[in-house]
């Protein structure tokens, strides 16, 4: 029976993405945050149950990696589904903030001193 469960799990993500293996956009990283649009626009077709689950979790901003973990789906599948939701106007995204090229040396010194006191 375990073999049947494994086979079902391998087919399911493929079915969720309509057979697509690559996202239509390159906007999403593991730490990109997504938020559901409120109020949601109307769709010509009803969203898939998995898309509805994604939207429920996106009421508050959530990272792509966290969303994949909560839904127990591969990140690649979540990203493809998020692309669909973004293109349909159902979510917004916020890319991660760029890391400063110049580290704050004062802050690093305080962290080092604090660690030294432990």
PDB file of N, CA and C in Angstrom:
ATOM      1  N   UNK A   1       0.799  -1.196   0.000  1.00  0.00           N
ATOM      2  CA  UNK A   1       0.000   0.000   0.000  1.00  0.00           C
ATOM      3  C   UNK A   1       0.846   1.266   0.000  1.00  0.00           C
ATOM      4  N   UNK A   2       1.995   1.211   0.651  1.00  0.00           N
ATOM      5  CA  UNK A   2       2.852   2.390   0.686  1.00  0.00           C
ATOM      6  C   UNK A   2       3.309   2.785  -0.709  1.00  0.00           C
ATOM      7  N   UNK A   3       3.553   1.810  -1.581  1.00  0.00           N
ATOM      8  CA  UNK A   3       3.954   2.113  -2.945  1.00  0.00           C
ATOM      9  C   UNK A   3       2.883   2.882  -3.685  1.00  0.00           C
ATOM     10  N   UNK A   4       1.610   2.555  -3.449  1.00  0.00           N
ATOM     11  CA  UNK A   4       0.509   3.268  -4.081  1.00  0.00           C
ATOM     12  C   UNK A   4       0.423   4.706  -3.610  1.00  0.00           C
ATOM     13  N   UNK A   5       0.665   4.915  -2.313  1.00  0.00           N
ATOM     14  CA  UNK A   5       0.654   6.277  -1.783  1.00  0.00           C
ATOM     15  C   UNK A   5       1.751   7.122  -2.410  1.00  0.00           C
ATOM     16  N   UNK A   6       2.931   6.536  -2.543  1.00  0.00           N
ATOM     17  CA  UNK A   6       4.051   7.265  -3.124  1.00  0.00           C
ATOM     18  C   UNK A   6       3.758   7.618  -4.574  1.00  0.00           C
ATOM     19  N   UNK A   7       3.234   6.674  -5.311  1.00  0.00           N
ATOM     20  CA  UNK A   7       2.928   6.936  -6.720  1.00  0.00           C
ATOM     21  C   UNK A   7       1.885   8.035  -6.843  1.00  0.00           C
ATOM     22  N   UNK A   8       0.865   8.034  -5.980  1.00  0.00           N
ATOM     23  CA  UNK A   8      -0.164   9.065  -6.010  1.00  0.00           C
ATOM     24  C   UNK A   8       0.404  10.435  -5.723  1.00  0.00           C
ATOM     25  N   UNK A   9       1.354  10.508  -4.785  1.00  0.00           N
ATOM     26  CA  UNK A   9       1.972  11.789  -4.440  1.00  0.00           C
ATOM     27  C   UNK A   9       2.823  12.322  -5.578  1.00  0.00           C
ATOM     28  N   UNK A  10       3.443  11.432  -6.354  1.00  0.00           N
ATOM     29  CA  UNK A  10       4.269  11.880  -7.465  1.00  0.00           C
ATOM     30  C   UNK A  10       3.422  12.420  -8.607  1.00  0.00           C
ATOM     31  N   UNK A  11       2.243  11.884  -8.793  1.00  0.00           N
ATOM     32  CA  UNK A  11       1.380  12.332  -9.875  1.00  0.00           C
ATOM     33  C   UNK A  11       0.678  13.633  -9.505  1.00  0.00           C
ATOM     34  N   UNK A  12       0.315  13.786  -8.262  1.00  0.00           N
ATOM     35  CA  UNK A  12      -0.492  14.920  -7.840  1.00  0.00           C
ATOM     36  C   UNK A  12       0.140  16.283  -8.150  1.00  0.00           C
ATOM     37  N   UNK A  13       1.388  16.542  -7.776  1.00  0.00           N
ATOM     38  CA  UNK A  13       1.952  17.857  -8.116  1.00  0.00           C
ATOM     39  C   UNK A  13       1.958  18.119  -9.621  1.00  0.00           C
ATOM     40  N   UNK A  14       2.229  17.097 -10.393  1.00  0.00           N
ATOM     41  CA  UNK A  14       2.220  17.241 -11.850  1.00  0.00           C
ATOM     42  C   UNK A  14       0.829  17.657 -12.318  1.00  0.00           C
ATOM     43  N   UNK A  15      -0.186  17.071 -11.724  1.00  0.00           N
ATOM     44  CA  UNK A  15      -1.560  17.408 -12.097  1.00  0.00           C
ATOM     45  C   UNK A  15      -1.929  18.826 -11.645  1.00  0.00           C
ATOM     46  N   UNK A  16      -1.426  19.249 -10.500  1.00  0.00           N
ATOM     47  CA  UNK A  16      -1.735  20.580  -9.979  1.00  0.00           C
ATOM     48  C   UNK A  16      -1.225  21.690 -10.891  1.00  0.00           C
ATOM     49  N   UNK A  17      -0.133  21.428 -11.572  1.00  0.00           N
ATOM     50  CA  UNK A  17       0.474  22.449 -12.419  1.00  0.00           C
ATOM     51  C   UNK A  17       0.074  22.300 -13.881  1.00  0.00           C
ATOM     52  N   UNK A  18      -0.836  21.395 -14.163  1.00  0.00           N
ATOM     53  CA  UNK A  18      -1.247  21.180 -15.547  1.00  0.00           C
ATOM     54  C   UNK A  18      -0.116  20.629 -16.397  1.00  0.00           C
ATOM     55  N   UNK A  19       0.799  19.901 -15.769  1.00  0.00           N
ATOM     56  CA  UNK A  19       1.915  19.313 -16.480  1.00  0.00           C
ATOM     57  C   UNK A  19       3.110  20.238 -16.640  1.00  0.00           C
ATOM     58  N   UNK A  20       2.975  21.475 -16.192  1.00  0.00           N
ATOM     59  CA  UNK A  20       4.093  22.421 -16.310  1.00  0.00           C
ATOM     60  C   UNK A  20       5.165  22.109 -15.267  1.00  0.00           C
ATOM     61  N   UNK A  21       6.406  22.241 -15.669  1.00  0.00           N
ATOM     62  CA  UNK A  21       7.513  21.987 -14.752  1.00  0.00           C
ATOM     63  C   UNK A  21       8.321  23.244 -14.451  1.00  0.00           C
ATOM     64  N   UNK A  22       8.024  24.324 -15.161  1.00  0.00           N
ATOM     65  CA  UNK A  22       8.740  25.586 -14.947  1.00  0.00           C
ATOM     66  C   UNK A  22       7.738  26.721 -14.773  1.00  0.00           C
ATOM     67  N   UNK A  23       8.060  27.652 -13.870  1.00  0.00           N
ATOM     68  CA  UNK A  23       7.166  28.801 -13.685  1.00  0.00           C
ATOM     69  C   UNK A  23       7.198  29.722 -14.912  1.00  0.00           C
ATOM     70  N   UNK A  24       6.128  30.468 -15.087  1.00  0.00           N
ATOM     71  CA  UNK A  24       6.047  31.400 -16.211  1.00  0.00           C
ATOM     72  C   UNK A  24       6.778  32.704 -15.920  1.00  0.00           C
ATOM     73  N   UNK A  25       7.197  32.900 -14.668  1.00  0.00           N
ATOM     74  CA  UNK A  25       7.887  34.123 -14.254  1.00  0.00           C
ATOM     75  C   UNK A  25       9.061  33.746 -13.365  1.00  0.00           C
ATOM     76  N   UNK A  26      10.003  34.660 -13.237  1.00  0.00           N
ATOM     77  CA  UNK A  26      11.170  34.423 -12.381  1.00  0.00           C
ATOM     78  C   UNK A  26      11.139  35.313 -11.140  1.00  0.00           C
ATOM     79  N   UNK A  27       9.952  35.774 -10.750  1.00  0.00           N
ATOM     80  CA  UNK A  27       9.810  36.712  -9.636  1.00  0.00           C
ATOM     81  C   UNK A  27       9.957  36.081  -8.258  1.00  0.00           C
ATOM     82  N   UNK A  28       9.797  34.779  -8.155  1.00  0.00           N
ATOM     83  CA  UNK A  28       9.681  34.147  -6.851  1.00  0.00           C
ATOM     84  C   UNK A  28      10.977  33.489  -6.398  1.00  0.00           C
ATOM     85  N   UNK A  29      11.371  33.798  -5.164  1.00  0.00           N
ATOM     86  CA  UNK A  29      12.463  33.109  -4.485  1.00  0.00           C
ATOM     87  C   UNK A  29      11.860  32.476  -3.235  1.00  0.00           C
ATOM     88  N   UNK A  30      12.659  31.757  -2.495  1.00  0.00           N
ATOM     89  CA  UNK A  30      12.157  31.132  -1.268  1.00  0.00           C
ATOM     90  C   UNK A  30      11.672  32.157  -0.245  1.00  0.00           C
ATOM     91  N   UNK A  31      12.274  33.358  -0.263  1.00  0.00           N
ATOM     92  CA  UNK A  31      11.910  34.354   0.747  1.00  0.00           C
ATOM     93  C   UNK A  31      11.057  35.487   0.199  1.00  0.00           C
ATOM     94  N   UNK A  32      10.585  35.366  -1.030  1.00  0.00           N
ATOM     95  CA  UNK A  32       9.621  36.331  -1.560  1.00  0.00           C
ATOM     96  C   UNK A  32       8.343  36.190  -0.741  1.00  0.00           C
ATOM     97  N   UNK A  33       7.740  37.302  -0.357  1.00  0.00           N
ATOM     98  CA  UNK A  33       6.480  37.226   0.382  1.00  0.00           C
ATOM     99  C   UNK A  33       5.317  37.500  -0.555  1.00  0.00           C
ATOM    100  N   UNK A  34       4.240  36.766  -0.339  1.00  0.00           N
ATOM    101  CA  UNK A  34       3.036  36.922  -1.146  1.00  0.00           C
ATOM    102  C   UNK A  34       1.861  37.232  -0.233  1.00  0.00           C
ATOM    103  N   UNK A  35       0.916  37.999  -0.765  1.00  0.00           N
ATOM    104  CA  UNK A  35      -0.273  38.397  -0.017  1.00  0.00           C
ATOM    105  C   UNK A  35      -1.466  38.333  -0.949  1.00  0.00           C
ATOM    106  N   UNK A  36      -2.569  37.806  -0.455  1.00  0.00           N
ATOM    107  CA  UNK A  36      -3.799  37.758  -1.250  1.00  0.00           C
ATOM    108  C   UNK A  36      -4.340  39.161  -1.448  1.00  0.00           C
ATOM    109  N   UNK A  37      -4.897  39.401  -2.622  1.00  0.00           N
ATOM    110  CA  UNK A  37      -5.502  40.695  -2.944  1.00  0.00           C
ATOM    111  C   UNK A  37      -6.869  40.753  -2.281  1.00  0.00           C
ATOM    112  N   UNK A  38      -7.152  41.894  -1.665  1.00  0.00           N
ATOM    113  CA  UNK A  38      -8.439  42.072  -0.996  1.00  0.00           C
ATOM    114  C   UNK A  38      -9.074  43.356  -1.502  1.00  0.00           C
ATOM    115  N   UNK A  39     -10.262  43.358  -2.024  1.00  0.00           N
ATOM    116  CA  UNK A  39     -11.076  42.189  -2.301  1.00  0.00           C
ATOM    117  C   UNK A  39     -10.588  41.486  -3.565  1.00  0.00           C
ATOM    118  N   UNK A  40     -10.799  40.169  -3.614  1.00  0.00           N
ATOM    119  CA  UNK A  40     -10.315  39.429  -4.777  1.00  0.00           C
ATOM    120  C   UNK A  40     -11.105  39.765  -6.035  1.00  0.00           C
ATOM    121  N   UNK A  41     -10.417  39.830  -7.177  1.00  0.00           N
ATOM    122  CA  UNK A  41     -11.134  40.040  -8.434  1.00  0.00           C
ATOM    123  C   UNK A  41     -11.939  38.788  -8.774  1.00  0.00           C
ATOM    124  N   UNK A  42     -12.922  38.949  -9.611  1.00  0.00           N
ATOM    125  CA  UNK A  42     -13.708  37.780  -9.996  1.00  0.00           C
ATOM    126  C   UNK A  42     -12.958  36.997 -11.065  1.00  0.00           C
ATOM    127  N   UNK A  43     -13.097  35.697 -11.013  1.00  0.00           N
ATOM    128  CA  UNK A  43     -12.456  34.817 -11.985  1.00  0.00           C
ATOM    129  C   UNK A  43     -13.504  34.271 -12.927  1.00  0.00           C
ATOM    130  N   UNK A  44     -13.077  34.001 -14.149  1.00  0.00           N
ATOM    131  CA  UNK A  44     -13.981  33.365 -15.116  1.00  0.00           C
ATOM    132  C   UNK A  44     -14.260  31.925 -14.697  1.00  0.00           C
ATOM    133  N   UNK A  45     -13.270  31.277 -14.092  1.00  0.00           N
ATOM    134  CA  UNK A  45     -13.439  29.908 -13.600  1.00  0.00           C
ATOM    135  C   UNK A  45     -13.121  29.879 -12.118  1.00  0.00           C
ATOM    136  N   UNK A  46     -13.682  28.920 -11.445  1.00  0.00           N
ATOM    137  CA  UNK A  46     -13.454  28.759 -10.006  1.00  0.00           C
ATOM    138  C   UNK A  46     -12.018  28.295  -9.760  1.00  0.00           C
ATOM    139  N   UNK A  47     -11.328  28.880  -8.770  1.00  0.00           N
ATOM    140  CA  UNK A  47      -9.954  28.450  -8.474  1.00  0.00           C
ATOM    141  C   UNK A  47      -9.918  26.991  -8.018  1.00  0.00           C
ATOM    142  N   UNK A  48      -8.799  26.329  -8.287  1.00  0.00           N
ATOM    143  CA  UNK A  48      -8.603  24.958  -7.814  1.00  0.00           C
ATOM    144  C   UNK A  48      -8.619  24.959  -6.286  1.00  0.00           C
ATOM    145  N   UNK A  49      -8.943  23.821  -5.680  1.00  0.00           N
ATOM    146  CA  UNK A  49      -8.904  23.760  -4.209  1.00  0.00           C
ATOM    147  C   UNK A  49      -7.539  24.143  -3.640  1.00  0.00           C
ATOM    148  N   UNK A  50      -6.461  23.746  -4.307  1.00  0.00           N
ATOM    149  CA  UNK A  50      -5.133  24.087  -3.819  1.00  0.00           C
ATOM    150  C   UNK A  50      -4.877  25.587  -3.930  1.00  0.00           C
ATOM    151  N   UNK A  51      -5.395  26.219  -4.978  1.00  0.00           N
ATOM    152  CA  UNK A  51      -5.265  27.674  -5.101  1.00  0.00           C
ATOM    153  C   UNK A  51      -6.048  28.362  -3.987  1.00  0.00           C
ATOM    154  N   UNK A  52      -7.203  27.838  -3.652  1.00  0.00           N
ATOM    155  CA  UNK A  52      -7.987  28.401  -2.559  1.00  0.00           C
ATOM    156  C   UNK A  52      -7.234  28.259  -1.237  1.00  0.00           C
ATOM    157  N   UNK A  53      -6.564  27.116  -1.029  1.00  0.00           N
ATOM    158  CA  UNK A  53      -5.764  26.923   0.191  1.00  0.00           C
ATOM    159  C   UNK A  53      -4.625  27.935   0.242  1.00  0.00           C
ATOM    160  N   UNK A  54      -3.979  28.155  -0.894  1.00  0.00           N
ATOM    161  CA  UNK A  54      -2.897  29.146  -0.945  1.00  0.00           C
ATOM    162  C   UNK A  54      -3.434  30.514  -0.558  1.00  0.00           C
ATOM    163  N   UNK A  55      -4.559  30.900  -1.149  1.00  0.00           N
ATOM    164  CA  UNK A  55      -5.133  32.220  -0.868  1.00  0.00           C
ATOM    165  C   UNK A  55      -5.510  32.379   0.599  1.00  0.00           C
ATOM    166  N   UNK A  56      -6.011  31.324   1.223  1.00  0.00           N
ATOM    167  CA  UNK A  56      -6.352  31.396   2.654  1.00  0.00           C
ATOM    168  C   UNK A  56      -5.103  31.651   3.501  1.00  0.00           C
ATOM    169  N   UNK A  57      -3.988  31.043   3.123  1.00  0.00           N
ATOM    170  CA  UNK A  57      -2.747  31.246   3.876  1.00  0.00           C
ATOM    171  C   UNK A  57      -2.107  32.597   3.579  1.00  0.00           C
ATOM    172  N   UNK A  58      -2.499  33.212   2.483  1.00  0.00           N
ATOM    173  CA  UNK A  58      -1.888  34.492   2.063  1.00  0.00           C
ATOM    174  C   UNK A  58      -2.676  35.704   2.527  1.00  0.00           C
ATOM    175  N   UNK A  59      -3.599  35.532   3.452  1.00  0.00           N
ATOM    176  CA  UNK A  59      -4.337  36.684   3.978  1.00  0.00           C
ATOM    177  C   UNK A  59      -3.350  37.668   4.592  1.00  0.00           C
ATOM    178  N   UNK A  60      -2.355  37.155   5.276  1.00  0.00           N
ATOM    179  CA  UNK A  60      -1.237  37.941   5.791  1.00  0.00           C
ATOM    180  C   UNK A  60      -0.026  37.600   4.934  1.00  0.00           C
ATOM    181  N   UNK A  61       0.936  38.508   4.793  1.00  0.00           N
ATOM    182  CA  UNK A  61       2.123  38.193   3.989  1.00  0.00           C
ATOM    183  C   UNK A  61       2.806  36.920   4.487  1.00  0.00           C
ATOM    184  N   UNK A  62       3.212  36.080   3.546  1.00  0.00           N
ATOM    185  CA  UNK A  62       3.846  34.812   3.879  1.00  0.00           C
ATOM    186  C   UNK A  62       4.932  34.516   2.852  1.00  0.00           C
ATOM    187  N   UNK A  63       6.026  33.933   3.300  1.00  0.00           N
ATOM    188  CA  UNK A  63       7.135  33.587   2.410  1.00  0.00           C
ATOM    189  C   UNK A  63       6.786  32.340   1.603  1.00  0.00           C
ATOM    190  N   UNK A  64       7.313  32.271   0.408  1.00  0.00           N
ATOM    191  CA  UNK A  64       7.073  31.134  -0.480  1.00  0.00           C
ATOM    192  C   UNK A  64       7.468  29.819   0.203  1.00  0.00           C
ATOM    193  N   UNK A  65       8.629  29.780   0.844  1.00  0.00           N
ATOM    194  CA  UNK A  65       9.093  28.562   1.505  1.00  0.00           C
ATOM    195  C   UNK A  65       8.135  28.134   2.617  1.00  0.00           C
ATOM    196  N   UNK A  66       7.642  29.090   3.380  1.00  0.00           N
ATOM    197  CA  UNK A  66       6.708  28.778   4.468  1.00  0.00           C
ATOM    198  C   UNK A  66       5.397  28.243   3.909  1.00  0.00           C
ATOM    199  N   UNK A  67       4.940  28.819   2.836  1.00  0.00           N
ATOM    200  CA  UNK A  67       3.712  28.371   2.187  1.00  0.00           C
ATOM    201  C   UNK A  67       3.854  26.929   1.698  1.00  0.00           C
ATOM    202  N   UNK A  68       4.985  26.611   1.080  1.00  0.00           N
ATOM    203  CA  UNK A  68       5.231  25.243   0.611  1.00  0.00           C
ATOM    204  C   UNK A  68       5.234  24.267   1.780  1.00  0.00           C
ATOM    205  N   UNK A  69       5.848  24.667   2.892  1.00  0.00           N
ATOM    206  CA  UNK A  69       5.888  23.794   4.065  1.00  0.00           C
ATOM    207  C   UNK A  69       4.490  23.587   4.651  1.00  0.00           C
ATOM    208  N   UNK A  70       3.714  24.657   4.755  1.00  0.00           N
ATOM    209  CA  UNK A  70       2.360  24.544   5.308  1.00  0.00           C
ATOM    210  C   UNK A  70       1.459  23.654   4.457  1.00  0.00           C
ATOM    211  N   UNK A  71       1.607  23.742   3.140  1.00  0.00           N
ATOM    212  CA  UNK A  71       0.756  22.970   2.241  1.00  0.00           C
ATOM    213  C   UNK A  71       1.347  21.614   1.894  1.00  0.00           C
ATOM    214  N   UNK A  72       2.556  21.349   2.374  1.00  0.00           N
ATOM    215  CA  UNK A  72       3.241  20.079   2.130  1.00  0.00           C
ATOM    216  C   UNK A  72       3.331  19.767   0.637  1.00  0.00           C
ATOM    217  N   UNK A  73       3.751  20.778  -0.111  1.00  0.00           N
ATOM    218  CA  UNK A  73       3.944  20.648  -1.556  1.00  0.00           C
ATOM    219  C   UNK A  73       5.342  21.129  -1.909  1.00  0.00           C
ATOM    220  N   UNK A  74       5.915  20.597  -2.986  1.00  0.00           N
ATOM    221  CA  UNK A  74       7.240  21.076  -3.404  1.00  0.00           C
ATOM    222  C   UNK A  74       7.206  22.567  -3.749  1.00  0.00           C
ATOM    223  N   UNK A  75       8.290  23.251  -3.458  1.00  0.00           N
ATOM    224  CA  UNK A  75       8.382  24.676  -3.741  1.00  0.00           C
ATOM    225  C   UNK A  75       8.135  24.938  -5.221  1.00  0.00           C
ATOM    226  N   UNK A  76       8.655  24.078  -6.083  1.00  0.00           N
ATOM    227  CA  UNK A  76       8.481  24.284  -7.526  1.00  0.00           C
ATOM    228  C   UNK A  76       7.006  24.297  -7.916  1.00  0.00           C
ATOM    229  N   UNK A  77       6.207  23.459  -7.291  1.00  0.00           N
ATOM    230  CA  UNK A  77       4.768  23.420  -7.572  1.00  0.00           C
ATOM    231  C   UNK A  77       4.100  24.681  -7.041  1.00  0.00           C
ATOM    232  N   UNK A  78       4.454  25.079  -5.829  1.00  0.00           N
ATOM    233  CA  UNK A  78       3.888  26.299  -5.243  1.00  0.00           C
ATOM    234  C   UNK A  78       4.201  27.502  -6.125  1.00  0.00           C
ATOM    235  N   UNK A  79       5.428  27.604  -6.614  1.00  0.00           N
ATOM    236  CA  UNK A  79       5.817  28.749  -7.445  1.00  0.00           C
ATOM    237  C   UNK A  79       5.004  28.786  -8.733  1.00  0.00           C
ATOM    238  N   UNK A  80       4.797  27.652  -9.356  1.00  0.00           N
ATOM    239  CA  UNK A  80       3.991  27.623 -10.586  1.00  0.00           C
ATOM    240  C   UNK A  80       2.568  28.074 -10.291  1.00  0.00           C
ATOM    241  N   UNK A  81       2.008  27.608  -9.180  1.00  0.00           N
ATOM    242  CA  UNK A  81       0.647  28.004  -8.816  1.00  0.00           C
ATOM    243  C   UNK A  81       0.593  29.484  -8.434  1.00  0.00           C
ATOM    244  N   UNK A  82       1.637  29.985  -7.775  1.00  0.00           N
ATOM    245  CA  UNK A  82       1.687  31.409  -7.434  1.00  0.00           C
ATOM    246  C   UNK A  82       1.770  32.271  -8.696  1.00  0.00           C
ATOM    247  N   UNK A  83       2.488  31.800  -9.697  1.00  0.00           N
ATOM    248  CA  UNK A  83       2.545  32.535 -10.972  1.00  0.00           C
ATOM    249  C   UNK A  83       1.149  32.678 -11.555  1.00  0.00           C
ATOM    250  N   UNK A  84       0.378  31.598 -11.509  1.00  0.00           N
ATOM    251  CA  UNK A  84      -0.996  31.644 -12.016  1.00  0.00           C
ATOM    252  C   UNK A  84      -1.831  32.649 -11.228  1.00  0.00           C
ATOM    253  N   UNK A  85      -1.685  32.617  -9.902  1.00  0.00           N
ATOM    254  CA  UNK A  85      -2.451  33.528  -9.050  1.00  0.00           C
ATOM    255  C   UNK A  85      -2.029  34.983  -9.271  1.00  0.00           C
ATOM    256  N   UNK A  86      -0.743  35.223  -9.463  1.00  0.00           N
ATOM    257  CA  UNK A  86      -0.254  36.574  -9.716  1.00  0.00           C
ATOM    258  C   UNK A  86      -0.783  37.096 -11.049  1.00  0.00           C
ATOM    259  N   UNK A  87      -0.721  36.269 -12.072  1.00  0.00           N
ATOM    260  CA  UNK A  87      -1.201  36.670 -13.398  1.00  0.00           C
ATOM    261  C   UNK A  87      -2.712  36.899 -13.416  1.00  0.00           C
ATOM    262  N   UNK A  88      -3.432  36.225 -12.512  1.00  0.00           N
ATOM    263  CA  UNK A  88      -4.878  36.416 -12.411  1.00  0.00           C
ATOM    264  C   UNK A  88      -5.240  37.598 -11.513  1.00  0.00           C
ATOM    265  N   UNK A  89      -4.231  38.235 -10.921  1.00  0.00           N
ATOM    266  CA  UNK A  89      -4.502  39.376 -10.052  1.00  0.00           C
ATOM    267  C   UNK A  89      -4.994  39.004  -8.667  1.00  0.00           C
ATOM    268  N   UNK A  90      -4.765  37.762  -8.244  1.00  0.00           N
ATOM    269  CA  UNK A  90      -5.255  37.296  -6.945  1.00  0.00           C
ATOM    270  C   UNK A  90      -4.269  37.510  -5.804  1.00  0.00           C
ATOM    271  N   UNK A  91      -2.986  37.710  -6.136  1.00  0.00           N
ATOM    272  CA  UNK A  91      -1.978  37.944  -5.098  1.00  0.00           C
ATOM    273  C   UNK A  91      -1.059  39.079  -5.534  1.00  0.00           C
ATOM    274  N   UNK A  92      -0.367  39.624  -4.556  1.00  0.00           N
ATOM    275  CA  UNK A  92       0.729  40.559  -4.823  1.00  0.00           C
ATOM    276  C   UNK A  92       1.985  39.921  -4.244  1.00  0.00           C
ATOM    277  N   UNK A  93       3.123  40.370  -4.717  1.00  0.00           N
ATOM    278  CA  UNK A  93       4.366  39.830  -4.179  1.00  0.00           C
ATOM    279  C   UNK A  93       5.286  40.959  -3.790  1.00  0.00           C
ATOM    280  N   UNK A  94       6.124  40.656  -2.840  1.00  0.00           N
ATOM    281  CA  UNK A  94       7.151  41.612  -2.426  1.00  0.00           C
ATOM    282  C   UNK A  94       8.479  40.871  -2.425  1.00  0.00           C
ATOM    283  N   UNK A  95       9.372  41.266  -3.330  1.00  0.00           N
ATOM    284  CA  UNK A  95      10.667  40.589  -3.378  1.00  0.00           C
ATOM    285  C   UNK A  95      11.462  40.857  -2.108  1.00  0.00           C
ATOM    286  N   UNK A  96      12.425  39.999  -1.816  1.00  0.00           N
ATOM    287  CA  UNK A  96      13.256  40.237  -0.629  1.00  0.00           C
ATOM    288  C   UNK A  96      14.046  41.519  -0.785  1.00  0.00           C
ATOM    289  N   UNK A  97      14.333  42.137   0.328  1.00  0.00           N
ATOM    290  CA  UNK A  97      15.133  43.361   0.301  1.00  0.00           C
ATOM    291  C   UNK A  97      16.568  43.000  -0.058  1.00  0.00           C
ATOM    292  N   UNK A  98      17.197  43.829  -0.862  1.00  0.00           N
ATOM    293  CA  UNK A  98      18.598  43.535  -1.199  1.00  0.00           C
ATOM    294  C   UNK A  98      19.489  43.674   0.029  1.00  0.00           C
ATOM    295  N   UNK A  99      20.481  42.831   0.082  1.00  0.00           N
ATOM    296  CA  UNK A  99      21.437  42.872   1.183  1.00  0.00           C
ATOM    297  C   UNK A  99      22.409  44.010   0.921  1.00  0.00           C
ATOM    298  N   UNK A 100      22.660  44.765   1.945  1.00  0.00           N
ATOM    299  CA  UNK A 100      23.577  45.896   1.821  1.00  0.00           C
ATOM    300  C   UNK A 100      24.979  45.393   1.493  1.00  0.00           C
ATOM    301  N   UNK A 101      25.640  46.087   0.594  1.00  0.00           N
ATOM    302  CA  UNK A 101      27.009  45.733   0.234  1.00  0.00           C
ATOM    303  C   UNK A 101      27.995  46.189   1.303  1.00  0.00           C
ATOM    304  N   UNK A 102      27.583  47.157   2.118  1.00  0.00           N
ATOM    305  CA  UNK A 102      28.446  47.678   3.173  1.00  0.00           C
ATOM    306  C   UNK A 102      27.889  47.260   4.532  1.00  0.00           C
ATOM    307  N   UNK A 103      28.519  46.280   5.186  1.00  0.00           N
ATOM    308  CA  UNK A 103      27.999  45.850   6.485  1.00  0.00           C
ATOM    309  C   UNK A 103      28.137  46.953   7.530  1.00  0.00           C
ATOM    310  N   UNK A 104      27.203  46.964   8.452  1.00  0.00           N
ATOM    311  CA  UNK A 104      27.239  47.928   9.546  1.00  0.00           C
ATOM    312  C   UNK A 104      28.257  47.425  10.574  1.00  0.00           C
ATOM    313  N   UNK A 105      29.451  47.987  10.540  1.00  0.00           N
ATOM    314  CA  UNK A 105      30.532  47.506  11.406  1.00  0.00           C
ATOM    315  C   UNK A 105      30.228  47.725  12.880  1.00  0.00           C
ATOM    316  N   UNK A 106      29.533  48.811  13.202  1.00  0.00           N
ATOM    317  CA  UNK A 106      29.158  49.069  14.593  1.00  0.00           C
ATOM    318  C   UNK A 106      28.226  47.970  15.100  1.00  0.00           C
ATOM    319  N   UNK A 107      27.262  47.606  14.284  1.00  0.00           N
ATOM    320  CA  UNK A 107      26.332  46.539  14.667  1.00  0.00           C
ATOM    321  C   UNK A 107      27.071  45.211  14.816  1.00  0.00           C
ATOM    322  N   UNK A 108      27.949  44.897  13.886  1.00  0.00           N
ATOM    323  CA  UNK A 108      28.712  43.649  13.978  1.00  0.00           C
ATOM    324  C   UNK A 108      29.567  43.609  15.241  1.00  0.00           C
ATOM    325  N   UNK A 109      30.151  44.749  15.617  1.00  0.00           N
ATOM    326  CA  UNK A 109      30.963  44.830  16.836  1.00  0.00           C
ATOM    327  C   UNK A 109      30.085  44.565  18.066  1.00  0.00           C
ATOM    328  N   UNK A 110      28.877  45.147  18.089  1.00  0.00           N
ATOM    329  CA  UNK A 110      27.971  44.935  19.218  1.00  0.00           C
ATOM    330  C   UNK A 110      27.545  43.474  19.309  1.00  0.00           C
ATOM    331  N   UNK A 111      27.295  42.849  18.176  1.00  0.00           N
ATOM    332  CA  UNK A 111      26.921  41.425  18.177  1.00  0.00           C
ATOM    333  C   UNK A 111      28.093  40.602  18.715  1.00  0.00           C
ATOM    334  N   UNK A 112      29.301  40.879  18.232  1.00  0.00           N
ATOM    335  CA  UNK A 112      30.487  40.145  18.700  1.00  0.00           C
ATOM    336  C   UNK A 112      30.670  40.317  20.203  1.00  0.00           C
ATOM    337  N   UNK A 113      30.529  41.556  20.696  1.00  0.00           N
ATOM    338  CA  UNK A 113      30.679  41.814  22.123  1.00  0.00           C
ATOM    339  C   UNK A 113      29.599  41.075  22.919  1.00  0.00           C
ATOM    340  N   UNK A 114      28.386  41.081  22.408  1.00  0.00           N
ATOM    341  CA  UNK A 114      27.296  40.391  23.093  1.00  0.00           C
ATOM    342  C   UNK A 114      27.523  38.894  23.145  1.00  0.00           C
ATOM    343  N   UNK A 115      28.018  38.329  22.050  1.00  0.00           N
ATOM    344  CA  UNK A 115      28.319  36.895  22.033  1.00  0.00           C
ATOM    345  C   UNK A 115      29.457  36.561  22.976  1.00  0.00           C
ATOM    346  N   UNK A 116      30.412  37.477  23.057  1.00  0.00           N
ATOM    347  CA  UNK A 116      31.550  37.260  23.973  1.00  0.00           C
ATOM    348  C   UNK A 116      31.114  37.240  25.427  1.00  0.00           C
ATOM    349  N   UNK A 117      30.076  37.976  25.770  1.00  0.00           N
ATOM    350  CA  UNK A 117      29.571  38.018  27.151  1.00  0.00           C
ATOM    351  C   UNK A 117      28.789  36.755  27.522  1.00  0.00           C
ATOM    352  N   UNK A 118      28.376  36.001  26.530  1.00  0.00           N
ATOM    353  CA  UNK A 118      27.649  34.750  26.824  1.00  0.00           C
ATOM    354  C   UNK A 118      28.603  33.756  27.360  1.00  0.00           C
TER     355      UNK A 118
END
